[in-house]
Amino acid sequence: MTSAVYRAVGVFALGGVSCGLAALAGLAIGWWAVGGGAIGYRAFGGLAAGGYAYAGNGVAYGYHEASGRQKERLFG
């Protein structure tokens, strides 16, 4: 049995773990990040952290704004 991790890096990154200007993945890191875990200036996901974080029913940590079931505004 083998396990594979799908990684993507670039301006537009799509994969299991992505890092880029616009990232879409299970774990996304980028300026615009969308995924189960998202870290970025504008982050959307189940666990979102960034300048503007939106998590729907998840957990959001945002510097400027946070929106989610549990939300925290960082540093302010």
PDB file of N, CA and C in Angstrom:
ATOM      1  N   MET A   1       0.840  -1.165   0.000  1.00  0.00           N
ATOM      2  CA  MET A   1       0.000   0.000   0.000  1.00  0.00           C
ATOM      3  C   MET A   1       0.893   1.239   0.000  1.00  0.00           C
ATOM      4  N   THR A   2       0.629   2.138  -0.901  1.00  0.00           N
ATOM      5  CA  THR A   2       1.418   3.359  -0.984  1.00  0.00           C
ATOM      6  C   THR A   2       0.543   4.556  -0.669  1.00  0.00           C
ATOM      7  N   SER A   3       1.165   5.593  -0.210  1.00  0.00           N
ATOM      8  CA  SER A   3       0.438   6.840   0.042  1.00  0.00           C
ATOM      9  C   SER A   3       1.073   7.929  -0.814  1.00  0.00           C
ATOM     10  N   ALA A   4       0.231   8.809  -1.303  1.00  0.00           N
ATOM     11  CA  ALA A   4       0.712   9.893  -2.160  1.00  0.00           C
ATOM     12  C   ALA A   4       0.203  11.221  -1.621  1.00  0.00           C
ATOM     13  N   VAL A   5       1.032  12.225  -1.679  1.00  0.00           N
ATOM     14  CA  VAL A   5       0.639  13.581  -1.323  1.00  0.00           C
ATOM     15  C   VAL A   5       0.729  14.401  -2.595  1.00  0.00           C
ATOM     16  N   TYR A   6      -0.356  15.024  -2.968  1.00  0.00           N
ATOM     17  CA  TYR A   6      -0.378  15.838  -4.170  1.00  0.00           C
ATOM     18  C   TYR A   6      -0.077  17.273  -3.780  1.00  0.00           C
ATOM     19  N   ARG A   7       1.042  17.799  -4.277  1.00  0.00           N
ATOM     20  CA  ARG A   7       1.487  19.143  -3.947  1.00  0.00           C
ATOM     21  C   ARG A   7       1.483  20.000  -5.203  1.00  0.00           C
ATOM     22  N   ALA A   8       1.164  21.277  -4.988  1.00  0.00           N
ATOM     23  CA  ALA A   8       1.204  22.210  -6.108  1.00  0.00           C
ATOM     24  C   ALA A   8       1.746  23.542  -5.626  1.00  0.00           C
ATOM     25  N   VAL A   9       2.602  24.152  -6.438  1.00  0.00           N
ATOM     26  CA  VAL A   9       3.169  25.460  -6.137  1.00  0.00           C
ATOM     27  C   VAL A   9       3.106  26.271  -7.417  1.00  0.00           C
ATOM     28  N   GLY A  10       2.678  27.522  -7.299  1.00  0.00           N
ATOM     29  CA  GLY A  10       2.635  28.366  -8.482  1.00  0.00           C
ATOM     30  C   GLY A  10       1.683  29.534  -8.298  1.00  0.00           C
ATOM     31  N   VAL A  11       1.461  30.269  -9.372  1.00  0.00           N
ATOM     32  CA  VAL A  11       0.554  31.417  -9.320  1.00  0.00           C
ATOM     33  C   VAL A  11      -0.848  30.916  -9.024  1.00  0.00           C
ATOM     34  N   PHE A  12      -1.333  29.932  -9.792  1.00  0.00           N
ATOM     35  CA  PHE A  12      -2.620  29.287  -9.542  1.00  0.00           C
ATOM     36  C   PHE A  12      -2.318  27.844  -9.173  1.00  0.00           C
ATOM     37  N   ALA A  13      -2.512  27.490  -7.907  1.00  0.00           N
ATOM     38  CA  ALA A  13      -2.130  26.164  -7.438  1.00  0.00           C
ATOM     39  C   ALA A  13      -3.371  25.369  -7.042  1.00  0.00           C
ATOM     40  N   LEU A  14      -3.458  24.130  -7.526  1.00  0.00           N
ATOM     41  CA  LEU A  14      -4.586  23.244  -7.239  1.00  0.00           C
ATOM     42  C   LEU A  14      -4.016  21.888  -6.882  1.00  0.00           C
ATOM     43  N   GLY A  15      -4.295  21.391  -5.666  1.00  0.00           N
ATOM     44  CA  GLY A  15      -3.768  20.099  -5.260  1.00  0.00           C
ATOM     45  C   GLY A  15      -4.082  19.804  -3.806  1.00  0.00           C
ATOM     46  N   GLY A  16      -3.593  18.680  -3.310  1.00  0.00           N
ATOM     47  CA  GLY A  16      -3.815  18.298  -1.917  1.00  0.00           C
ATOM     48  C   GLY A  16      -3.220  19.313  -0.954  1.00  0.00           C
ATOM     49  N   VAL A  17      -2.017  19.763  -1.255  1.00  0.00           N
ATOM     50  CA  VAL A  17      -1.345  20.826  -0.501  1.00  0.00           C
ATOM     51  C   VAL A  17      -0.875  21.845  -1.532  1.00  0.00           C
ATOM     52  N   SER A  18      -1.388  23.073  -1.450  1.00  0.00           N
ATOM     53  CA  SER A  18      -1.074  24.080  -2.462  1.00  0.00           C
ATOM     54  C   SER A  18      -0.528  25.344  -1.848  1.00  0.00           C
ATOM     55  N   CYS A  19       0.409  25.962  -2.541  1.00  0.00           N
ATOM     56  CA  CYS A  19       0.976  27.241  -2.131  1.00  0.00           C
ATOM     57  C   CYS A  19       1.111  28.093  -3.382  1.00  0.00           C
ATOM     58  N   GLY A  20       0.449  29.252  -3.380  1.00  0.00           N
ATOM     59  CA  GLY A  20       0.530  30.112  -4.548  1.00  0.00           C
ATOM     60  C   GLY A  20      -0.278  31.380  -4.360  1.00  0.00           C
ATOM     61  N   LEU A  21      -0.305  32.219  -5.383  1.00  0.00           N
ATOM     62  CA  LEU A  21      -1.086  33.452  -5.322  1.00  0.00           C
ATOM     63  C   LEU A  21      -2.554  33.121  -5.100  1.00  0.00           C
ATOM     64  N   ALA A  22      -3.095  32.189  -5.856  1.00  0.00           N
ATOM     65  CA  ALA A  22      -4.456  31.684  -5.663  1.00  0.00           C
ATOM     66  C   ALA A  22      -4.338  30.178  -5.454  1.00  0.00           C
ATOM     67  N   ALA A  23      -4.697  29.684  -4.271  1.00  0.00           N
ATOM     68  CA  ALA A  23      -4.506  28.276  -3.938  1.00  0.00           C
ATOM     69  C   ALA A  23      -5.839  27.630  -3.602  1.00  0.00           C
ATOM     70  N   LEU A  24      -6.084  26.443  -4.133  1.00  0.00           N
ATOM     71  CA  LEU A  24      -7.289  25.662  -3.866  1.00  0.00           C
ATOM     72  C   LEU A  24      -6.839  24.256  -3.525  1.00  0.00           C
ATOM     73  N   ALA A  25      -7.075  23.825  -2.261  1.00  0.00           N
ATOM     74  CA  ALA A  25      -6.577  22.524  -1.846  1.00  0.00           C
ATOM     75  C   ALA A  25      -7.133  22.139  -0.491  1.00  0.00           C
ATOM     76  N   GLY A  26      -6.808  20.921  -0.049  1.00  0.00           N
ATOM     77  CA  GLY A  26      -7.130  20.509   1.309  1.00  0.00           C
ATOM     78  C   GLY A  26      -6.419  21.407   2.306  1.00  0.00           C
ATOM     79  N   LEU A  27      -5.166  21.718   2.050  1.00  0.00           N
ATOM     80  CA  LEU A  27      -4.397  22.698   2.818  1.00  0.00           C
ATOM     81  C   LEU A  27      -3.905  23.735   1.822  1.00  0.00           C
ATOM     82  N   ALA A  28      -4.437  24.940   1.923  1.00  0.00           N
ATOM     83  CA  ALA A  28      -4.114  25.986   0.949  1.00  0.00           C
ATOM     84  C   ALA A  28      -3.420  27.150   1.637  1.00  0.00           C
ATOM     85  N   ILE A  29      -2.315  27.604   1.059  1.00  0.00           N
ATOM     86  CA  ILE A  29      -1.572  28.749   1.559  1.00  0.00           C
ATOM     87  C   ILE A  29      -1.361  29.694   0.386  1.00  0.00           C
ATOM     88  N   GLY A  30      -1.845  30.922   0.503  1.00  0.00           N
ATOM     89  CA  GLY A  30      -1.678  31.869  -0.586  1.00  0.00           C
ATOM     90  C   GLY A  30      -2.403  33.170  -0.322  1.00  0.00           C
ATOM     91  N   TRP A  31      -2.318  34.108  -1.275  1.00  0.00           N
ATOM     92  CA  TRP A  31      -2.996  35.400  -1.134  1.00  0.00           C
ATOM     93  C   TRP A  31      -4.492  35.164  -1.043  1.00  0.00           C
ATOM     94  N   TRP A  32      -5.052  34.390  -1.985  1.00  0.00           N
ATOM     95  CA  TRP A  32      -6.432  33.919  -1.924  1.00  0.00           C
ATOM     96  C   TRP A  32      -6.343  32.423  -1.699  1.00  0.00           C
ATOM     97  N   ALA A  33      -6.778  31.945  -0.546  1.00  0.00           N
ATOM     98  CA  ALA A  33      -6.667  30.528  -0.207  1.00  0.00           C
ATOM     99  C   ALA A  33      -8.052  29.949   0.066  1.00  0.00           C
ATOM    100  N   VAL A  34      -8.360  28.838  -0.579  1.00  0.00           N
ATOM    101  CA  VAL A  34      -9.637  28.152  -0.386  1.00  0.00           C
ATOM    102  C   VAL A  34      -9.326  26.692  -0.122  1.00  0.00           C
ATOM    103  N   GLY A  35      -9.820  26.157   1.010  1.00  0.00           N
ATOM    104  CA  GLY A  35      -9.590  24.746   1.298  1.00  0.00           C
ATOM    105  C   GLY A  35     -10.063  24.372   2.682  1.00  0.00           C
ATOM    106  N   GLY A  36      -9.904  23.100   3.026  1.00  0.00           N
ATOM    107  CA  GLY A  36     -10.263  22.629   4.359  1.00  0.00           C
ATOM    108  C   GLY A  36      -9.513  23.407   5.421  1.00  0.00           C
ATOM    109  N   GLY A  37      -8.248  23.621   5.214  1.00  0.00           N
ATOM    110  CA  GLY A  37      -7.418  24.495   6.040  1.00  0.00           C
ATOM    111  C   GLY A  37      -6.850  25.565   5.136  1.00  0.00           C
ATOM    112  N   ALA A  38      -7.156  26.818   5.384  1.00  0.00           N
ATOM    113  CA  ALA A  38      -6.722  27.887   4.491  1.00  0.00           C
ATOM    114  C   ALA A  38      -5.985  28.967   5.270  1.00  0.00           C
ATOM    115  N   ILE A  39      -4.818  29.365   4.767  1.00  0.00           N
ATOM    116  CA  ILE A  39      -4.026  30.433   5.371  1.00  0.00           C
ATOM    117  C   ILE A  39      -3.691  31.421   4.262  1.00  0.00           C
ATOM    118  N   GLY A  40      -4.122  32.666   4.435  1.00  0.00           N
ATOM    119  CA  GLY A  40      -3.841  33.663   3.407  1.00  0.00           C
ATOM    120  C   GLY A  40      -4.461  34.991   3.756  1.00  0.00           C
ATOM    121  N   TYR A  41      -4.201  35.992   2.924  1.00  0.00           N
ATOM    122  CA  TYR A  41      -4.769  37.314   3.188  1.00  0.00           C
ATOM    123  C   TYR A  41      -6.288  37.233   3.144  1.00  0.00           C
ATOM    124  N   ARG A  42      -6.830  36.544   2.166  1.00  0.00           N
ATOM    125  CA  ARG A  42      -8.259  36.243   2.106  1.00  0.00           C
ATOM    126  C   ARG A  42      -8.375  34.728   2.132  1.00  0.00           C
ATOM    127  N   ALA A  43      -8.836  34.191   3.264  1.00  0.00           N
ATOM    128  CA  ALA A  43      -8.879  32.742   3.464  1.00  0.00           C
ATOM    129  C   ALA A  43     -10.313  32.267   3.629  1.00  0.00           C
ATOM    130  N   PHE A  44     -10.674  31.209   2.908  1.00  0.00           N
ATOM    131  CA  PHE A  44     -11.998  30.604   2.982  1.00  0.00           C
ATOM    132  C   PHE A  44     -11.815  29.119   3.234  1.00  0.00           C
ATOM    133  N   GLY A  45     -12.362  28.587   4.331  1.00  0.00           N
ATOM    134  CA  GLY A  45     -12.239  27.156   4.583  1.00  0.00           C
ATOM    135  C   GLY A  45     -12.811  26.763   5.920  1.00  0.00           C
ATOM    136  N   GLY A  46     -12.764  25.474   6.229  1.00  0.00           N
ATOM    137  CA  GLY A  46     -13.246  24.969   7.512  1.00  0.00           C
ATOM    138  C   GLY A  46     -12.442  25.538   8.667  1.00  0.00           C
ATOM    139  N   LEU A  47     -11.155  25.696   8.476  1.00  0.00           N
ATOM    140  CA  LEU A  47     -10.267  26.368   9.427  1.00  0.00           C
ATOM    141  C   LEU A  47      -9.548  27.434   8.620  1.00  0.00           C
ATOM    142  N   ALA A  48      -9.887  28.686   8.857  1.00  0.00           N
ATOM    143  CA  ALA A  48      -9.347  29.777   8.049  1.00  0.00           C
ATOM    144  C   ALA A  48      -8.595  30.764   8.930  1.00  0.00           C
ATOM    145  N   ALA A  49      -7.428  31.190   8.468  1.00  0.00           N
ATOM    146  CA  ALA A  49      -6.634  32.179   9.192  1.00  0.00           C
ATOM    147  C   ALA A  49      -6.049  33.152   8.190  1.00  0.00           C
ATOM    148  N   GLY A  50      -6.154  34.453   8.490  1.00  0.00           N
ATOM    149  CA  GLY A  50      -5.584  35.448   7.595  1.00  0.00           C
ATOM    150  C   GLY A  50      -6.121  36.824   7.884  1.00  0.00           C
ATOM    151  N   GLY A  51      -5.889  37.742   6.964  1.00  0.00           N
ATOM    152  CA  GLY A  51      -6.380  39.103   7.118  1.00  0.00           C
ATOM    153  C   GLY A  51      -7.896  39.133   7.176  1.00  0.00           C
ATOM    154  N   TYR A  52      -8.525  38.476   6.214  1.00  0.00           N
ATOM    155  CA  TYR A  52      -9.977  38.321   6.172  1.00  0.00           C
ATOM    156  C   TYR A  52     -10.240  36.827   6.124  1.00  0.00           C
ATOM    157  N   ALA A  53     -10.841  36.273   7.167  1.00  0.00           N
ATOM    158  CA  ALA A  53     -11.034  34.827   7.264  1.00  0.00           C
ATOM    159  C   ALA A  53     -12.524  34.500   7.311  1.00  0.00           C
ATOM    160  N   TYR A  54     -12.946  33.585   6.461  1.00  0.00           N
ATOM    161  CA  TYR A  54     -14.339  33.161   6.395  1.00  0.00           C
ATOM    162  C   TYR A  54     -14.384  31.643   6.494  1.00  0.00           C
ATOM    163  N   ALA A  55     -15.100  31.117   7.485  1.00  0.00           N
ATOM    164  CA  ALA A  55     -15.085  29.681   7.724  1.00  0.00           C
ATOM    165  C   ALA A  55     -16.460  29.031   7.708  1.00  0.00           C
ATOM    166  N   GLY A  56     -17.525  29.740   7.372  1.00  0.00           N
ATOM    167  CA  GLY A  56     -18.845  29.119   7.366  1.00  0.00           C
ATOM    168  C   GLY A  56     -19.174  28.557   8.738  1.00  0.00           C
ATOM    169  N   ASN A  57     -19.256  27.240   8.857  1.00  0.00           N
ATOM    170  CA  ASN A  57     -19.517  26.600  10.148  1.00  0.00           C
ATOM    171  C   ASN A  57     -18.242  26.209  10.881  1.00  0.00           C
ATOM    172  N   GLY A  58     -17.092  26.626  10.375  1.00  0.00           N
ATOM    173  CA  GLY A  58     -15.816  26.249  10.972  1.00  0.00           C
ATOM    174  C   GLY A  58     -15.256  27.310  11.893  1.00  0.00           C
ATOM    175  N   VAL A  59     -13.946  27.340  11.993  1.00  0.00           N
ATOM    176  CA  VAL A  59     -13.228  28.249  12.888  1.00  0.00           C
ATOM    177  C   VAL A  59     -12.464  29.262  12.044  1.00  0.00           C
ATOM    178  N   ALA A  60     -12.651  30.546  12.349  1.00  0.00           N
ATOM    179  CA  ALA A  60     -11.993  31.609  11.589  1.00  0.00           C
ATOM    180  C   ALA A  60     -11.175  32.487  12.522  1.00  0.00           C
ATOM    181  N   TYR A  61      -9.935  32.751  12.142  1.00  0.00           N
ATOM    182  CA  TYR A  61      -9.066  33.685  12.843  1.00  0.00           C
ATOM    183  C   TYR A  61      -8.653  34.749  11.838  1.00  0.00           C
ATOM    184  N   GLY A  62      -9.094  35.986  12.043  1.00  0.00           N
ATOM    185  CA  GLY A  62      -8.785  37.037  11.081  1.00  0.00           C
ATOM    186  C   GLY A  62      -8.207  38.271  11.743  1.00  0.00           C
ATOM    187  N   TYR A  63      -7.315  38.937  11.027  1.00  0.00           N
ATOM    188  CA  TYR A  63      -6.727  40.181  11.528  1.00  0.00           C
ATOM    189  C   TYR A  63      -7.723  41.332  11.370  1.00  0.00           C
ATOM    190  N   HIS A  64      -8.310  41.477  10.200  1.00  0.00           N
ATOM    191  CA  HIS A  64      -9.255  42.554   9.944  1.00  0.00           C
ATOM    192  C   HIS A  64     -10.688  42.112  10.207  1.00  0.00           C
ATOM    193  N   GLU A  65     -11.034  40.904   9.774  1.00  0.00           N
ATOM    194  CA  GLU A  65     -12.405  40.422   9.885  1.00  0.00           C
ATOM    195  C   GLU A  65     -12.402  38.906   9.952  1.00  0.00           C
ATOM    196  N   ALA A  66     -13.307  38.354  10.761  1.00  0.00           N
ATOM    197  CA  ALA A  66     -13.454  36.905  10.870  1.00  0.00           C
ATOM    198  C   ALA A  66     -14.936  36.568  10.838  1.00  0.00           C
ATOM    199  N   SER A  67     -15.295  35.529  10.104  1.00  0.00           N
ATOM    200  CA  SER A  67     -16.676  35.098  10.018  1.00  0.00           C
ATOM    201  C   SER A  67     -16.714  33.582  10.076  1.00  0.00           C
ATOM    202  N   GLY A  68     -17.405  33.030  11.055  1.00  0.00           N
ATOM    203  CA  GLY A  68     -17.517  31.582  11.206  1.00  0.00           C
ATOM    204  C   GLY A  68     -18.248  31.253  12.489  1.00  0.00           C
ATOM    205  N   ARG A  69     -18.476  29.965  12.721  1.00  0.00           N
ATOM    206  CA  ARG A  69     -19.160  29.550  13.941  1.00  0.00           C
ATOM    207  C   ARG A  69     -18.366  30.017  15.162  1.00  0.00           C
ATOM    208  N   GLN A  70     -17.074  29.764  15.163  1.00  0.00           N
ATOM    209  CA  GLN A  70     -16.196  30.308  16.192  1.00  0.00           C
ATOM    210  C   GLN A  70     -15.293  31.304  15.486  1.00  0.00           C
ATOM    211  N   LYS A  71     -15.337  32.550  15.900  1.00  0.00           N
ATOM    212  CA  LYS A  71     -14.530  33.563  15.216  1.00  0.00           C
ATOM    213  C   LYS A  71     -13.736  34.362  16.226  1.00  0.00           C
ATOM    214  N   GLU A  72     -12.543  34.687  15.859  1.00  0.00           N
ATOM    215  CA  GLU A  72     -11.631  35.457  16.707  1.00  0.00           C
ATOM    216  C   GLU A  72     -10.972  36.510  15.835  1.00  0.00           C
ATOM    217  N   ARG A  73     -10.928  37.701  16.317  1.00  0.00           N
ATOM    218  CA  ARG A  73     -10.182  38.745  15.613  1.00  0.00           C
ATOM    219  C   ARG A  73      -8.811  38.813  16.262  1.00  0.00           C
ATOM    220  N   LEU A  74      -7.789  38.577  15.493  1.00  0.00           N
ATOM    221  CA  LEU A  74      -6.429  38.544  16.020  1.00  0.00           C
ATOM    222  C   LEU A  74      -5.895  39.957  16.214  1.00  0.00           C
ATOM    223  N   PHE A  75      -5.147  40.152  17.262  1.00  0.00           N
ATOM    224  CA  PHE A  75      -4.447  41.408  17.539  1.00  0.00           C
ATOM    225  C   PHE A  75      -5.389  42.602  17.569  1.00  0.00           C
ATOM    226  N   GLY A  76      -6.525  42.482  18.208  1.00  0.00           N
ATOM    227  CA  GLY A  76      -7.390  43.635  18.277  1.00  0.00           C
ATOM    228  C   GLY A  76      -8.688  43.263  18.762  1.00  0.00           C
TER     229      GLY A  76
END
